[in-house]
Protein backbone atom coordinates (compact mmCIF):
# COMPACT_ATOMS: atom_id res chain seq x y z
CA UNK A 1 3.56 50.03 101.76
CA UNK A 2 2.36 46.78 100.31
CA UNK A 3 -1.13 46.29 99.19
CA UNK A 4 -3.08 43.64 100.95
CA UNK A 5 -3.82 40.62 98.83
CA UNK A 6 -7.40 40.09 97.83
CA UNK A 7 -8.75 36.63 97.38
CA UNK A 8 -11.01 35.90 94.44
CA UNK A 9 -13.86 33.64 95.19
CA UNK A 10 -14.60 31.10 92.43
CA UNK A 11 -18.01 29.98 93.48
CA UNK A 12 -19.67 31.28 90.29
CA UNK A 13 -17.50 29.19 87.95
CA UNK A 14 -18.85 25.84 89.12
CA UNK A 15 -22.41 26.90 88.47
CA UNK A 16 -21.48 28.27 85.06
CA UNK A 17 -19.76 25.03 84.07
CA UNK A 18 -22.78 23.06 85.27
CA UNK A 19 -25.14 25.33 83.31
CA UNK A 20 -23.03 25.06 80.13
CA UNK A 21 -22.83 21.27 80.49
CA UNK A 22 -26.59 21.01 80.94
CA UNK A 23 -27.18 23.26 77.91
CA UNK A 24 -24.80 21.16 75.79
CA UNK A 25 -26.58 17.96 76.88
CA UNK A 26 -29.95 19.43 75.89
CA UNK A 27 -28.61 20.61 72.52
CA UNK A 28 -26.96 17.23 71.87
CA UNK A 29 -30.19 15.40 72.72
CA UNK A 30 -32.13 17.74 70.43
CA UNK A 31 -29.63 17.09 67.61
CA UNK A 32 -29.83 13.32 68.07
CA UNK A 33 -33.64 13.49 68.07
CA UNK A 34 -33.60 15.62 64.92
CA UNK A 35 -31.29 13.18 63.09
CA UNK A 36 -33.37 10.19 64.21
CA UNK A 37 -36.61 11.85 63.15
CA UNK A 38 -35.17 12.88 59.77
CA UNK A 39 -33.85 9.38 59.08
CA UNK A 40 -37.24 7.91 59.91
CA UNK A 41 -38.94 10.40 57.58
CA UNK A 42 -36.49 9.63 54.77
CA UNK A 43 -36.99 5.89 55.26
CA UNK A 44 -40.76 6.34 55.03
CA UNK A 45 -40.42 8.45 51.89
CA UNK A 46 -38.22 5.80 50.33
CA UNK A 47 -40.72 3.06 51.23
CA UNK A 48 -43.55 5.10 49.71
CA UNK A 49 -41.49 5.68 46.54
CA UNK A 50 -40.76 1.94 46.23
CA UNK A 51 -44.46 1.13 46.64
CA UNK A 52 -45.44 3.73 44.04
CA UNK A 53 -42.95 2.29 41.55
CA UNK A 54 -44.26 -1.21 42.24
CA UNK A 55 -47.84 0.02 41.83
CA UNK A 56 -47.01 1.66 38.48
CA UNK A 57 -45.31 -1.50 37.29
CA UNK A 58 -48.30 -3.63 38.27
CA UNK A 59 -50.68 -1.15 36.61
CA UNK A 60 -48.68 -1.38 33.37
CA UNK A 61 -48.69 -5.17 33.55
CA UNK A 62 -52.46 -5.15 34.14
CA UNK A 63 -52.97 -2.90 31.12
CA UNK A 64 -50.85 -5.21 28.96
CA UNK A 65 -52.76 -8.26 30.21
CA UNK A 66 -56.12 -6.61 29.45
CA UNK A 67 -54.94 -5.73 25.94
CA UNK A 68 -53.76 -9.29 25.39
CA UNK A 69 -57.07 -10.63 26.73
CA UNK A 70 -58.96 -8.31 24.39
CA UNK A 71 -56.89 -9.50 21.43
CA UNK A 72 -57.45 -13.13 22.32
CA UNK A 73 -61.20 -12.86 22.90
CA UNK A 74 -62.03 -10.35 20.17
CA UNK A 75 -64.35 -11.50 17.43
CA UNK A 76 -62.50 -11.39 14.12
CA UNK A 77 -63.66 -8.68 11.76
CA UNK A 78 -64.44 -11.20 9.04
CA UNK A 79 -66.90 -12.98 11.34
CA UNK A 80 -68.61 -9.69 12.18
CA UNK A 81 -68.88 -8.72 8.50
CA UNK A 82 -70.22 -12.17 7.57
CA UNK A 83 -72.87 -11.92 10.26
CA UNK A 84 -73.87 -8.45 9.06
CA UNK A 85 -74.21 -9.82 5.51
CA UNK A 86 -76.41 -12.63 6.80
CA UNK A 87 -73.85 -15.38 6.40
CA UNK A 88 -73.80 -18.04 9.09
CA UNK A 89 -71.58 -21.02 9.80
CA UNK A 90 -73.10 -24.32 8.60
CA UNK A 91 -74.85 -26.52 11.11
CA UNK A 92 -73.38 -29.92 11.90
CA UNK A 93 -76.10 -31.85 9.95
CA UNK A 94 -76.16 -29.43 7.01
CA UNK A 95 -74.76 -30.62 3.68
CA UNK A 96 -72.94 -28.09 1.55
CA UNK A 97 -72.48 -28.61 -2.18
CA UNK A 98 -69.73 -26.75 -3.91
CA UNK A 99 -70.17 -26.04 -7.62
CA UNK A 100 -67.41 -25.82 -10.12
CA UNK A 101 -65.65 -22.51 -9.89
CA UNK A 102 -66.27 -20.13 -12.74
CA UNK A 103 -63.28 -19.26 -14.84
CA UNK A 104 -62.34 -15.65 -14.77
CA UNK A 105 -61.45 -14.21 -18.13
CA UNK A 106 -58.84 -11.51 -17.93
């Protein structure tokens, strides 16, 4: 005797495919969001690094400019020593007489 044929109902497969598709869409969206967020973070880090380098460069330039300004406005040591010794520059109306230099005998 022949066995009666049984029919297999496939109603569960459609729901499974729909569930898998929905899960894949969620995972893909999460991956895209992660990549977008990471790229934004890396771009911000790069911008911060560029600004730090620029700030360091400007700080070095400022230091060099201050040193140059100090060199240009510094009172020469000879002027300081002369003032300590009581020597002053002649006034405009002052007459200075220079005597004959003494000969130095070796």
